[in-house]
Every structure is written in structure tokens, then in C-alpha cells.
């Protein structure tokens, strides 16, 4: 009788320990909207907002210029490959391909924000 009570006590204690472990890993609910920190984004109409908007426009213009250059370079590469005989590869084509690759990597990094 004593051993059965002791066994029941051990089972109950281990179940409480496992329940306590599960409760400790419960996600924390989000804060109510009134307690959320204010956004650090500048308010529309402010000087900082206008400055960021201008910078974004300049970056877009630069990216578009680079994309146009990349497009022109690929057309040039195609023309070089069209006039190269089958089974050969010119040094000019290799150089153009490397320049295209370099510009494409630069564009990719700029779009990611890693200048």
C-alpha cells in the first residue's frame, strides 16, 4: 500500500515537472496596440520624409540606368556571338560576359542594400 502511494506521488510530481517545462516554453502574446513602440519611420510631410523619398528616387534612377546599361551589354554580347563562327568563342565575348556578370552582381548588391 505504501509503495503504491509512493509510486502515485512520483507520477504526479513528474507530470507537474513536465507541465512546468511546457509552460515555460509558451510564446509571449504580443503587446496591445496602445503599448507598441512608435514607428521610427519619418512622418509624411516632414523634412526627413522628403529627404528619404528623394534618396529613394535617386537610387531608383541609378538602378534603372544600370539596368539599361546591362540590357545594352547583353545585346552587344549577342551580336558578338552571332558573328562568331560555330564551335569557337572569341576573347571579346568572354570579356563582355565578364563585364555583364560584374554589373549584374553590383546591381544585386545594391538592390539588397549592401553597397
PDB file of N, CA and C in Angstrom:
ATOM      1  N   UNK A   1       0.835  -1.183   0.000  1.00  0.00           N
ATOM      2  CA  UNK A   1       0.000   0.000   0.000  1.00  0.00           C
ATOM      3  C   UNK A   1       0.874   1.239   0.000  1.00  0.00           C
ATOM      4  N   UNK A   2       1.903   1.216   0.832  1.00  0.00           N
ATOM      5  CA  UNK A   2       2.819   2.343   0.923  1.00  0.00           C
ATOM      6  C   UNK A   2       3.550   2.544  -0.392  1.00  0.00           C
ATOM      7  N   UNK A   3       3.943   1.481  -1.065  1.00  0.00           N
ATOM      8  CA  UNK A   3       4.681   1.577  -2.326  1.00  0.00           C
ATOM      9  C   UNK A   3       3.786   2.114  -3.448  1.00  0.00           C
ATOM     10  N   UNK A   4       2.496   1.771  -3.427  1.00  0.00           N
ATOM     11  CA  UNK A   4       1.563   2.277  -4.440  1.00  0.00           C
ATOM     12  C   UNK A   4       1.375   3.771  -4.255  1.00  0.00           C
ATOM     13  N   UNK A   5       1.267   4.250  -3.033  1.00  0.00           N
ATOM     14  CA  UNK A   5       1.120   5.685  -2.765  1.00  0.00           C
ATOM     15  C   UNK A   5       2.376   6.427  -3.195  1.00  0.00           C
ATOM     16  N   UNK A   6       3.498   5.828  -2.884  1.00  0.00           N
ATOM     17  CA  UNK A   6       4.757   6.451  -3.263  1.00  0.00           C
ATOM     18  C   UNK A   6       4.883   6.521  -4.787  1.00  0.00           C
ATOM     19  N   UNK A   7       4.478   5.473  -5.473  1.00  0.00           N
ATOM     20  CA  UNK A   7       4.517   5.446  -6.929  1.00  0.00           C
ATOM     21  C   UNK A   7       3.582   6.499  -7.517  1.00  0.00           C
ATOM     22  N   UNK A   8       2.408   6.637  -6.963  1.00  0.00           N
ATOM     23  CA  UNK A   8       1.457   7.661  -7.423  1.00  0.00           C
ATOM     24  C   UNK A   8       2.030   9.054  -7.209  1.00  0.00           C
ATOM     25  N   UNK A   9       2.661   9.263  -6.074  1.00  0.00           N
ATOM     26  CA  UNK A   9       3.267  10.557  -5.771  1.00  0.00           C
ATOM     27  C   UNK A   9       4.373  10.887  -6.774  1.00  0.00           C
ATOM     28  N   UNK A  10       5.179   9.917  -7.125  1.00  0.00           N
ATOM     29  CA  UNK A  10       6.261  10.114  -8.097  1.00  0.00           C
ATOM     30  C   UNK A  10       5.669  10.452  -9.464  1.00  0.00           C
ATOM     31  N   UNK A  11       4.637   9.763  -9.883  1.00  0.00           N
ATOM     32  CA  UNK A  11       3.995  10.015 -11.179  1.00  0.00           C
ATOM     33  C   UNK A  11       3.413  11.421 -11.210  1.00  0.00           C
ATOM     34  N   UNK A  12       2.753  11.834 -10.145  1.00  0.00           N
ATOM     35  CA  UNK A  12       2.156  13.166 -10.086  1.00  0.00           C
ATOM     36  C   UNK A  12       3.244  14.241 -10.138  1.00  0.00           C
ATOM     37  N   UNK A  13       4.329  14.058  -9.394  1.00  0.00           N
ATOM     38  CA  UNK A  13       5.407  15.044  -9.389  1.00  0.00           C
ATOM     39  C   UNK A  13       6.078  15.152 -10.748  1.00  0.00           C
ATOM     40  N   UNK A  14       6.316  14.039 -11.414  1.00  0.00           N
ATOM     41  CA  UNK A  14       6.949  14.100 -12.738  1.00  0.00           C
ATOM     42  C   UNK A  14       6.027  14.738 -13.756  1.00  0.00           C
ATOM     43  N   UNK A  15       4.724  14.515 -13.630  1.00  0.00           N
ATOM     44  CA  UNK A  15       3.797  15.159 -14.566  1.00  0.00           C
ATOM     45  C   UNK A  15       3.767  16.669 -14.323  1.00  0.00           C
ATOM     46  N   UNK A  16       3.881  17.105 -13.064  1.00  0.00           N
ATOM     47  CA  UNK A  16       3.948  18.537 -12.775  1.00  0.00           C
ATOM     48  C   UNK A  16       5.235  19.155 -13.340  1.00  0.00           C
ATOM     49  N   UNK A  17       6.341  18.410 -13.238  1.00  0.00           N
ATOM     50  CA  UNK A  17       7.601  18.919 -13.777  1.00  0.00           C
ATOM     51  C   UNK A  17       7.525  19.069 -15.293  1.00  0.00           C
ATOM     52  N   UNK A  18       6.937  18.077 -15.951  1.00  0.00           N
ATOM     53  CA  UNK A  18       6.842  18.179 -17.411  1.00  0.00           C
ATOM     54  C   UNK A  18       5.874  19.285 -17.814  1.00  0.00           C
ATOM     55  N   UNK A  19       4.802  19.466 -17.043  1.00  0.00           N
ATOM     56  CA  UNK A  19       3.864  20.552 -17.317  1.00  0.00           C
ATOM     57  C   UNK A  19       4.551  21.905 -17.111  1.00  0.00           C
ATOM     58  N   UNK A  20       5.365  22.009 -16.089  1.00  0.00           N
ATOM     59  CA  UNK A  20       6.092  23.246 -15.809  1.00  0.00           C
ATOM     60  C   UNK A  20       7.075  23.554 -16.935  1.00  0.00           C
ATOM     61  N   UNK A  21       7.709  22.526 -17.483  1.00  0.00           N
ATOM     62  CA  UNK A  21       8.636  22.727 -18.592  1.00  0.00           C
ATOM     63  C   UNK A  21       7.892  23.219 -19.831  1.00  0.00           C
ATOM     64  N   UNK A  22       6.730  22.673 -20.110  1.00  0.00           N
ATOM     65  CA  UNK A  22       5.948  23.101 -21.272  1.00  0.00           C
ATOM     66  C   UNK A  22       5.437  24.524 -21.099  1.00  0.00           C
ATOM     67  N   UNK A  23       5.032  24.868 -19.915  1.00  0.00           N
ATOM     68  CA  UNK A  23       4.530  26.219 -19.663  1.00  0.00           C
ATOM     69  C   UNK A  23       5.657  27.236 -19.819  1.00  0.00           C
ATOM     70  N   UNK A  24       6.860  26.875 -19.444  1.00  0.00           N
ATOM     71  CA  UNK A  24       7.999  27.777 -19.568  1.00  0.00           C
ATOM     72  C   UNK A  24       8.333  28.106 -21.013  1.00  0.00           C
ATOM     73  N   UNK A  25       7.905  27.291 -21.965  1.00  0.00           N
ATOM     74  CA  UNK A  25       8.216  27.497 -23.369  1.00  0.00           C
ATOM     75  C   UNK A  25       7.036  28.064 -24.152  1.00  0.00           C
ATOM     76  N   UNK A  26       6.040  28.531 -23.473  1.00  0.00           N
ATOM     77  CA  UNK A  26       4.879  29.106 -24.154  1.00  0.00           C
ATOM     78  C   UNK A  26       5.267  30.453 -24.755  1.00  0.00           C
ATOM     79  N   UNK A  27       4.759  30.761 -25.958  1.00  0.00           N
ATOM     80  CA  UNK A  27       5.085  32.059 -26.560  1.00  0.00           C
ATOM     81  C   UNK A  27       4.443  33.203 -25.791  1.00  0.00           C
ATOM     82  N   UNK A  28       5.101  34.329 -25.845  1.00  0.00           N
ATOM     83  CA  UNK A  28       4.595  35.522 -25.168  1.00  0.00           C
ATOM     84  C   UNK A  28       3.634  36.227 -26.114  1.00  0.00           C
ATOM     85  N   UNK A  29       2.433  36.557 -25.653  1.00  0.00           N
ATOM     86  CA  UNK A  29       1.488  37.233 -26.546  1.00  0.00           C
ATOM     87  C   UNK A  29       1.991  38.634 -26.891  1.00  0.00           C
ATOM     88  N   UNK A  30       1.599  39.165 -28.068  1.00  0.00           N
ATOM     89  CA  UNK A  30       2.057  40.498 -28.451  1.00  0.00           C
ATOM     90  C   UNK A  30       1.444  41.577 -27.560  1.00  0.00           C
ATOM     91  N   UNK A  31       2.124  42.713 -27.536  1.00  0.00           N
ATOM     92  CA  UNK A  31       1.625  43.847 -26.754  1.00  0.00           C
ATOM     93  C   UNK A  31       0.378  44.431 -27.397  1.00  0.00           C
ATOM     94  N   UNK A  32      -0.513  44.989 -26.594  1.00  0.00           N
ATOM     95  CA  UNK A  32      -1.657  45.685 -27.176  1.00  0.00           C
ATOM     96  C   UNK A  32      -1.172  46.884 -27.993  1.00  0.00           C
ATOM     97  N   UNK A  33      -1.978  47.334 -28.921  1.00  0.00           N
ATOM     98  CA  UNK A  33      -1.589  48.423 -29.824  1.00  0.00           C
ATOM     99  C   UNK A  33      -1.208  49.688 -29.064  1.00  0.00           C
ATOM    100  N   UNK A  34      -1.837  49.950 -27.936  1.00  0.00           N
ATOM    101  CA  UNK A  34      -1.534  51.165 -27.179  1.00  0.00           C
ATOM    102  C   UNK A  34      -0.130  51.106 -26.572  1.00  0.00           C
ATOM    103  N   UNK A  35       0.401  49.917 -26.335  1.00  0.00           N
ATOM    104  CA  UNK A  35       1.703  49.773 -25.702  1.00  0.00           C
ATOM    105  C   UNK A  35       2.837  49.550 -26.701  1.00  0.00           C
ATOM    106  N   UNK A  36       2.513  49.429 -27.986  1.00  0.00           N
ATOM    107  CA  UNK A  36       3.536  49.203 -29.006  1.00  0.00           C
ATOM    108  C   UNK A  36       4.387  50.463 -29.154  1.00  0.00           C
ATOM    109  N   UNK A  37       5.699  50.295 -29.347  1.00  0.00           N
ATOM    110  CA  UNK A  37       6.548  51.475 -29.547  1.00  0.00           C
ATOM    111  C   UNK A  37       6.186  52.153 -30.866  1.00  0.00           C
ATOM    112  N   UNK A  38       6.371  53.458 -30.915  1.00  0.00           N
ATOM    113  CA  UNK A  38       6.052  54.194 -32.128  1.00  0.00           C
ATOM    114  C   UNK A  38       7.038  53.841 -33.226  1.00  0.00           C
ATOM    115  N   UNK A  39       6.553  53.912 -34.436  1.00  0.00           N
ATOM    116  CA  UNK A  39       7.396  53.617 -35.588  1.00  0.00           C
ATOM    117  C   UNK A  39       8.490  54.670 -35.711  1.00  0.00           C
ATOM    118  N   UNK A  40       9.662  54.231 -36.132  1.00  0.00           N
ATOM    119  CA  UNK A  40      10.776  55.159 -36.317  1.00  0.00           C
ATOM    120  C   UNK A  40      10.759  55.772 -37.711  1.00  0.00           C
ATOM    121  N   UNK A  41       9.814  55.360 -38.521  1.00  0.00           N
ATOM    122  CA  UNK A  41       9.715  55.921 -39.869  1.00  0.00           C
ATOM    123  C   UNK A  41       9.289  57.386 -39.765  1.00  0.00           C
ATOM    124  N   UNK A  42       9.879  58.234 -40.626  1.00  0.00           N
ATOM    125  CA  UNK A  42       9.517  59.652 -40.562  1.00  0.00           C
ATOM    126  C   UNK A  42       8.068  59.872 -40.990  1.00  0.00           C
ATOM    127  N   UNK A  43       7.467  60.871 -40.422  1.00  0.00           N
ATOM    128  CA  UNK A  43       6.068  61.195 -40.718  1.00  0.00           C
ATOM    129  C   UNK A  43       5.971  61.863 -42.087  1.00  0.00           C
ATOM    130  N   UNK A  44       4.945  61.530 -42.864  1.00  0.00           N
ATOM    131  CA  UNK A  44       4.753  62.202 -44.145  1.00  0.00           C
ATOM    132  C   UNK A  44       4.644  63.718 -43.941  1.00  0.00           C
ATOM    133  N   UNK A  45       5.302  64.461 -44.812  1.00  0.00           N
ATOM    134  CA  UNK A  45       5.288  65.915 -44.713  1.00  0.00           C
ATOM    135  C   UNK A  45       6.491  66.473 -43.979  1.00  0.00           C
ATOM    136  N   UNK A  46       7.242  65.620 -43.270  1.00  0.00           N
ATOM    137  CA  UNK A  46       8.415  66.110 -42.540  1.00  0.00           C
ATOM    138  C   UNK A  46       9.609  66.226 -43.493  1.00  0.00           C
ATOM    139  N   UNK A  47      10.615  66.971 -43.065  1.00  0.00           N
ATOM    140  CA  UNK A  47      11.807  67.156 -43.890  1.00  0.00           C
ATOM    141  C   UNK A  47      12.551  65.829 -44.067  1.00  0.00           C
ATOM    142  N   UNK A  48      12.592  65.029 -43.029  1.00  0.00           N
ATOM    143  CA  UNK A  48      13.262  63.726 -43.111  1.00  0.00           C
ATOM    144  C   UNK A  48      12.547  62.812 -44.107  1.00  0.00           C
ATOM    145  N   UNK A  49      11.235  62.862 -44.102  1.00  0.00           N
ATOM    146  CA  UNK A  49      10.440  62.062 -45.040  1.00  0.00           C
ATOM    147  C   UNK A  49      10.752  62.479 -46.476  1.00  0.00           C
ATOM    148  N   UNK A  50      10.804  63.788 -46.712  1.00  0.00           N
ATOM    149  CA  UNK A  50      11.101  64.297 -48.052  1.00  0.00           C
ATOM    150  C   UNK A  50      12.514  63.906 -48.477  1.00  0.00           C
ATOM    151  N   UNK A  51      13.459  63.952 -47.539  1.00  0.00           N
ATOM    152  CA  UNK A  51      14.838  63.582 -47.842  1.00  0.00           C
ATOM    153  C   UNK A  51      14.937  62.096 -48.198  1.00  0.00           C
ATOM    154  N   UNK A  52      14.266  61.247 -47.429  1.00  0.00           N
ATOM    155  CA  UNK A  52      14.298  59.815 -47.714  1.00  0.00           C
ATOM    156  C   UNK A  52      13.625  59.496 -49.045  1.00  0.00           C
ATOM    157  N   UNK A  53      12.567  60.205 -49.322  1.00  0.00           N
ATOM    158  CA  UNK A  53      11.868  59.998 -50.591  1.00  0.00           C
ATOM    159  C   UNK A  53      12.768  60.402 -51.763  1.00  0.00           C
ATOM    160  N   UNK A  54      13.484  61.513 -51.619  1.00  0.00           N
ATOM    161  CA  UNK A  54      14.413  61.980 -52.657  1.00  0.00           C
ATOM    162  C   UNK A  54      15.549  60.972 -52.853  1.00  0.00           C
ATOM    163  N   UNK A  55      16.102  60.450 -51.747  1.00  0.00           N
ATOM    164  CA  UNK A  55      17.167  59.441 -51.836  1.00  0.00           C
ATOM    165  C   UNK A  55      16.677  58.172 -52.530  1.00  0.00           C
ATOM    166  N   UNK A  56      15.461  57.770 -52.213  1.00  0.00           N
ATOM    167  CA  UNK A  56      14.893  56.572 -52.836  1.00  0.00           C
ATOM    168  C   UNK A  56      14.714  56.791 -54.335  1.00  0.00           C
ATOM    169  N   UNK A  57      14.281  57.979 -54.720  1.00  0.00           N
ATOM    170  CA  UNK A  57      14.104  58.282 -56.143  1.00  0.00           C
ATOM    171  C   UNK A  57      15.451  58.288 -56.869  1.00  0.00           C
ATOM    172  N   UNK A  58      16.475  58.853 -56.234  1.00  0.00           N
ATOM    173  CA  UNK A  58      17.810  58.869 -56.835  1.00  0.00           C
ATOM    174  C   UNK A  58      18.351  57.446 -56.993  1.00  0.00           C
ATOM    175  N   UNK A  59      18.127  56.616 -55.984  1.00  0.00           N
ATOM    176  CA  UNK A  59      18.585  55.230 -56.058  1.00  0.00           C
ATOM    177  C   UNK A  59      17.865  54.483 -57.186  1.00  0.00           C
ATOM    178  N   UNK A  60      16.569  54.726 -57.313  1.00  0.00           N
ATOM    179  CA  UNK A  60      15.806  54.072 -58.380  1.00  0.00           C
ATOM    180  C   UNK A  60      16.314  54.516 -59.745  1.00  0.00           C
ATOM    181  N   UNK A  61      16.584  55.810 -59.903  1.00  0.00           N
ATOM    182  CA  UNK A  61      17.097  56.327 -61.173  1.00  0.00           C
ATOM    183  C   UNK A  61      18.437  55.676 -61.512  1.00  0.00           C
ATOM    184  N   UNK A  62      19.306  55.555 -60.512  1.00  0.00           N
ATOM    185  CA  UNK A  62      20.616  54.923 -60.725  1.00  0.00           C
ATOM    186  C   UNK A  62      20.455  53.457 -61.104  1.00  0.00           C
ATOM    187  N   UNK A  63      19.563  52.744 -60.405  1.00  0.00           N
ATOM    188  CA  UNK A  63      19.328  51.340 -60.727  1.00  0.00           C
ATOM    189  C   UNK A  63      18.790  51.185 -62.151  1.00  0.00           C
ATOM    190  N   UNK A  64      17.867  52.052 -62.534  1.00  0.00           N
ATOM    191  CA  UNK A  64      17.295  51.973 -63.880  1.00  0.00           C
ATOM    192  C   UNK A  64      18.372  52.251 -64.939  1.00  0.00           C
ATOM    193  N   UNK A  65      19.268  53.191 -64.666  1.00  0.00           N
ATOM    194  CA  UNK A  65      20.360  53.490 -65.592  1.00  0.00           C
ATOM    195  C   UNK A  65      21.272  52.264 -65.723  1.00  0.00           C
ATOM    196  N   UNK A  66      21.586  51.619 -64.600  1.00  0.00           N
ATOM    197  CA  UNK A  66      22.432  50.425 -64.634  1.00  0.00           C
ATOM    198  C   UNK A  66      21.740  49.264 -65.347  1.00  0.00           C
ATOM    199  N   UNK A  67      20.438  49.126 -65.157  1.00  0.00           N
ATOM    200  CA  UNK A  67      19.687  48.058 -65.830  1.00  0.00           C
ATOM    201  C   UNK A  67      19.681  48.304 -67.332  1.00  0.00           C
ATOM    202  N   UNK A  68      19.513  49.560 -67.743  1.00  0.00           N
ATOM    203  CA  UNK A  68      19.572  49.880 -69.173  1.00  0.00           C
ATOM    204  C   UNK A  68      20.953  49.542 -69.740  1.00  0.00           C
ATOM    205  N   UNK A  69      22.000  49.852 -68.984  1.00  0.00           N
ATOM    206  CA  UNK A  69      23.362  49.537 -69.414  1.00  0.00           C
ATOM    207  C   UNK A  69      23.540  48.023 -69.516  1.00  0.00           C
ATOM    208  N   UNK A  70      23.002  47.290 -68.551  1.00  0.00           N
ATOM    209  CA  UNK A  70      23.104  45.833 -68.573  1.00  0.00           C
ATOM    210  C   UNK A  70      22.389  45.267 -69.797  1.00  0.00           C
ATOM    211  N   UNK A  71      21.237  45.819 -70.098  1.00  0.00           N
ATOM    212  CA  UNK A  71      20.483  45.375 -71.265  1.00  0.00           C
ATOM    213  C   UNK A  71      21.268  45.629 -72.551  1.00  0.00           C
ATOM    214  N   UNK A  72      21.876  46.818 -72.671  1.00  0.00           N
ATOM    215  CA  UNK A  72      22.669  47.140 -73.856  1.00  0.00           C
ATOM    216  C   UNK A  72      23.873  46.218 -73.972  1.00  0.00           C
ATOM    217  N   UNK A  73      24.482  45.884 -72.850  1.00  0.00           N
ATOM    218  CA  UNK A  73      25.646  44.998 -72.866  1.00  0.00           C
ATOM    219  C   UNK A  73      25.262  43.593 -73.331  1.00  0.00           C
ATOM    220  N   UNK A  74      24.082  43.121 -72.946  1.00  0.00           N
ATOM    221  CA  UNK A  74      23.657  41.787 -73.375  1.00  0.00           C
ATOM    222  C   UNK A  74      23.352  41.776 -74.877  1.00  0.00           C
ATOM    223  N   UNK A  75      22.812  42.874 -75.396  1.00  0.00           N
ATOM    224  CA  UNK A  75      22.570  42.971 -76.839  1.00  0.00           C
ATOM    225  C   UNK A  75      23.907  42.931 -77.582  1.00  0.00           C
ATOM    226  N   UNK A  76      24.909  43.657 -77.068  1.00  0.00           N
ATOM    227  CA  UNK A  76      26.240  43.650 -77.683  1.00  0.00           C
ATOM    228  C   UNK A  76      26.839  42.244 -77.660  1.00  0.00           C
ATOM    229  N   UNK A  77      26.679  41.554 -76.541  1.00  0.00           N
ATOM    230  CA  UNK A  77      27.203  40.192 -76.441  1.00  0.00           C
ATOM    231  C   UNK A  77      26.527  39.287 -77.460  1.00  0.00           C
ATOM    232  N   UNK A  78      25.227  39.432 -77.620  1.00  0.00           N
ATOM    233  CA  UNK A  78      24.505  38.621 -78.598  1.00  0.00           C
ATOM    234  C   UNK A  78      25.024  38.896 -80.004  1.00  0.00           C
ATOM    235  N   UNK A  79      25.282  40.152 -80.322  1.00  0.00           N
ATOM    236  CA  UNK A  79      25.797  40.495 -81.646  1.00  0.00           C
ATOM    237  C   UNK A  79      27.181  39.885 -81.871  1.00  0.00           C
ATOM    238  N   UNK A  80      28.026  39.926 -80.848  1.00  0.00           N
ATOM    239  CA  UNK A  80      29.361  39.322 -80.958  1.00  0.00           C
ATOM    240  C   UNK A  80      29.239  37.821 -81.188  1.00  0.00           C
ATOM    241  N   UNK A  81      28.345  37.181 -80.435  1.00  0.00           N
ATOM    242  CA  UNK A  81      28.171  35.733 -80.585  1.00  0.00           C
ATOM    243  C   UNK A  81      27.572  35.375 -81.939  1.00  0.00           C
ATOM    244  N   UNK A  82      26.697  36.238 -82.480  1.00  0.00           N
ATOM    245  CA  UNK A  82      26.102  35.976 -83.796  1.00  0.00           C
ATOM    246  C   UNK A  82      27.153  35.984 -84.899  1.00  0.00           C
ATOM    247  N   UNK A  83      28.154  36.836 -84.800  1.00  0.00           N
ATOM    248  CA  UNK A  83      29.157  36.910 -85.872  1.00  0.00           C
ATOM    249  C   UNK A  83      30.370  35.993 -85.614  1.00  0.00           C
ATOM    250  N   UNK A  84      30.367  35.292 -84.478  1.00  0.00           N
ATOM    251  CA  UNK A  84      31.439  34.340 -84.186  1.00  0.00           C
ATOM    252  C   UNK A  84      31.082  32.995 -84.811  1.00  0.00           C
ATOM    253  N   UNK A  85      32.017  32.364 -85.511  1.00  0.00           N
ATOM    254  CA  UNK A  85      31.732  31.054 -86.124  1.00  0.00           C
ATOM    255  C   UNK A  85      31.375  29.997 -85.067  1.00  0.00           C
ATOM    256  N   UNK A  86      30.576  29.026 -85.488  1.00  0.00           N
ATOM    257  CA  UNK A  86      30.161  27.945 -84.584  1.00  0.00           C
ATOM    258  C   UNK A  86      31.382  27.167 -84.107  1.00  0.00           C
ATOM    259  N   UNK A  87      31.361  26.803 -82.859  1.00  0.00           N
ATOM    260  CA  UNK A  87      32.439  25.997 -82.294  1.00  0.00           C
ATOM    261  C   UNK A  87      33.601  26.815 -81.770  1.00  0.00           C
ATOM    262  N   UNK A  88      33.519  28.133 -81.872  1.00  0.00           N
ATOM    263  CA  UNK A  88      34.593  28.986 -81.356  1.00  0.00           C
ATOM    264  C   UNK A  88      34.001  30.003 -80.386  1.00  0.00           C
ATOM    265  N   UNK A  89      34.866  30.523 -79.567  1.00  0.00           N
ATOM    266  CA  UNK A  89      34.446  31.540 -78.610  1.00  0.00           C
ATOM    267  C   UNK A  89      35.514  32.618 -78.603  1.00  0.00           C
ATOM    268  N   UNK A  90      35.109  33.843 -78.919  1.00  0.00           N
ATOM    269  CA  UNK A  90      36.089  34.919 -79.013  1.00  0.00           C
ATOM    270  C   UNK A  90      36.424  35.476 -77.640  1.00  0.00           C
ATOM    271  N   UNK A  91      37.592  36.075 -77.571  1.00  0.00           N
ATOM    272  CA  UNK A  91      38.024  36.719 -76.336  1.00  0.00           C
ATOM    273  C   UNK A  91      37.111  37.909 -76.025  1.00  0.00           C
ATOM    274  N   UNK A  92      36.662  38.598 -77.065  1.00  0.00           N
ATOM    275  CA  UNK A  92      35.753  39.737 -76.885  1.00  0.00           C
ATOM    276  C   UNK A  92      34.458  39.290 -76.200  1.00  0.00           C
ATOM    277  N   UNK A  93      33.931  38.127 -76.602  1.00  0.00           N
ATOM    278  CA  UNK A  93      32.695  37.607 -75.997  1.00  0.00           C
ATOM    279  C   UNK A  93      32.917  37.283 -74.525  1.00  0.00           C
ATOM    280  N   UNK A  94      34.066  36.707 -74.223  1.00  0.00           N
ATOM    281  CA  UNK A  94      34.369  36.377 -72.826  1.00  0.00           C
ATOM    282  C   UNK A  94      34.472  37.647 -71.973  1.00  0.00           C
ATOM    283  N   UNK A  95      35.119  38.667 -72.504  1.00  0.00           N
ATOM    284  CA  UNK A  95      35.258  39.925 -71.773  1.00  0.00           C
ATOM    285  C   UNK A  95      33.908  40.589 -71.549  1.00  0.00           C
ATOM    286  N   UNK A  96      33.059  40.567 -72.569  1.00  0.00           N
ATOM    287  CA  UNK A  96      31.722  41.161 -72.425  1.00  0.00           C
ATOM    288  C   UNK A  96      30.893  40.383 -71.398  1.00  0.00           C
ATOM    289  N   UNK A  97      31.007  39.069 -71.424  1.00  0.00           N
ATOM    290  CA  UNK A  97      30.268  38.240 -70.462  1.00  0.00           C
ATOM    291  C   UNK A  97      30.731  38.527 -69.033  1.00  0.00           C
ATOM    292  N   UNK A  98      32.034  38.700 -68.850  1.00  0.00           N
ATOM    293  CA  UNK A  98      32.548  39.013 -67.512  1.00  0.00           C
ATOM    294  C   UNK A  98      32.078  40.399 -67.051  1.00  0.00           C
ATOM    295  N   UNK A  99      32.043  41.372 -67.978  1.00  0.00           N
ATOM    296  CA  UNK A  99      31.564  42.710 -67.624  1.00  0.00           C
ATOM    297  C   UNK A  99      30.087  42.676 -67.259  1.00  0.00           C
ATOM    298  N   UNK A 100      29.317  41.860 -67.981  1.00  0.00           N
ATOM    299  CA  UNK A 100      27.887  41.709 -67.674  1.00  0.00           C
ATOM    300  C   UNK A 100      27.721  41.096 -66.289  1.00  0.00           C
ATOM    301  N   UNK A 101      28.498  40.075 -66.000  1.00  0.00           N
ATOM    302  CA  UNK A 101      28.418  39.409 -64.699  1.00  0.00           C
ATOM    303  C   UNK A 101      28.777  40.380 -63.574  1.00  0.00           C
ATOM    304  N   UNK A 102      29.800  41.174 -63.762  1.00  0.00           N
ATOM    305  CA  UNK A 102      30.231  42.132 -62.744  1.00  0.00           C
ATOM    306  C   UNK A 102      29.137  43.171 -62.475  1.00  0.00           C
ATOM    307  N   UNK A 103      28.540  43.703 -63.545  1.00  0.00           N
ATOM    308  CA  UNK A 103      27.477  44.689 -63.379  1.00  0.00           C
ATOM    309  C   UNK A 103      26.243  44.059 -62.729  1.00  0.00           C
ATOM    310  N   UNK A 104      25.918  42.832 -63.109  1.00  0.00           N
ATOM    311  CA  UNK A 104      24.760  42.149 -62.523  1.00  0.00           C
ATOM    312  C   UNK A 104      24.962  41.925 -61.025  1.00  0.00           C
ATOM    313  N   UNK A 105      26.162  41.543 -60.617  1.00  0.00           N
ATOM    314  CA  UNK A 105      26.441  41.359 -59.185  1.00  0.00           C
ATOM    315  C   UNK A 105      26.336  42.686 -58.437  1.00  0.00           C
ATOM    316  N   UNK A 106      26.837  43.757 -59.060  1.00  0.00           N
ATOM    317  CA  UNK A 106      26.763  45.081 -58.440  1.00  0.00           C
ATOM    318  C   UNK A 106      25.298  45.491 -58.240  1.00  0.00           C
ATOM    319  N   UNK A 107      24.483  45.271 -59.271  1.00  0.00           N
ATOM    320  CA  UNK A 107      23.057  45.595 -59.166  1.00  0.00           C
ATOM    321  C   UNK A 107      22.388  44.777 -58.060  1.00  0.00           C
ATOM    322  N   UNK A 108      22.723  43.514 -58.001  1.00  0.00           N
ATOM    323  CA  UNK A 108      22.124  42.646 -56.989  1.00  0.00           C
ATOM    324  C   UNK A 108      22.445  43.140 -55.584  1.00  0.00           C
ATOM    325  N   UNK A 109      23.700  43.499 -55.354  1.00  0.00           N
ATOM    326  CA  UNK A 109      24.094  44.007 -54.025  1.00  0.00           C
ATOM    327  C   UNK A 109      23.399  45.322 -53.704  1.00  0.00           C
ATOM    328  N   UNK A 110      23.289  46.207 -54.687  1.00  0.00           N
ATOM    329  CA  UNK A 110      22.621  47.489 -54.455  1.00  0.00           C
ATOM    330  C   UNK A 110      21.146  47.288 -54.129  1.00  0.00           C
ATOM    331  N   UNK A 111      20.515  46.338 -54.789  1.00  0.00           N
ATOM    332  CA  UNK A 111      19.091  46.080 -54.510  1.00  0.00           C
ATOM    333  C   UNK A 111      18.893  45.487 -53.123  1.00  0.00           C
ATOM    334  N   UNK A 112      19.897  44.762 -52.634  1.00  0.00           N
ATOM    335  CA  UNK A 112      19.824  44.217 -51.282  1.00  0.00           C
ATOM    336  C   UNK A 112      20.165  45.258 -50.232  1.00  0.00           C
ATOM    337  N   UNK A 113      20.749  46.362 -50.663  1.00  0.00           N
ATOM    338  CA  UNK A 113      21.140  47.406 -49.716  1.00  0.00           C
ATOM    339  C   UNK A 113      22.537  47.232 -49.187  1.00  0.00           C
ATOM    340  N   UNK A 114      23.330  46.320 -49.771  1.00  0.00           N
ATOM    341  CA  UNK A 114      24.713  46.075 -49.342  1.00  0.00           C
ATOM    342  C   UNK A 114      25.659  46.745 -50.328  1.00  0.00           C
ATOM    343  N   UNK A 115      25.832  48.019 -50.195  1.00  0.00           N
ATOM    344  CA  UNK A 115      26.654  48.724 -51.176  1.00  0.00           C
ATOM    345  C   UNK A 115      28.069  48.493 -50.928  1.00  0.00           C
TER     346      UNK A 115
END
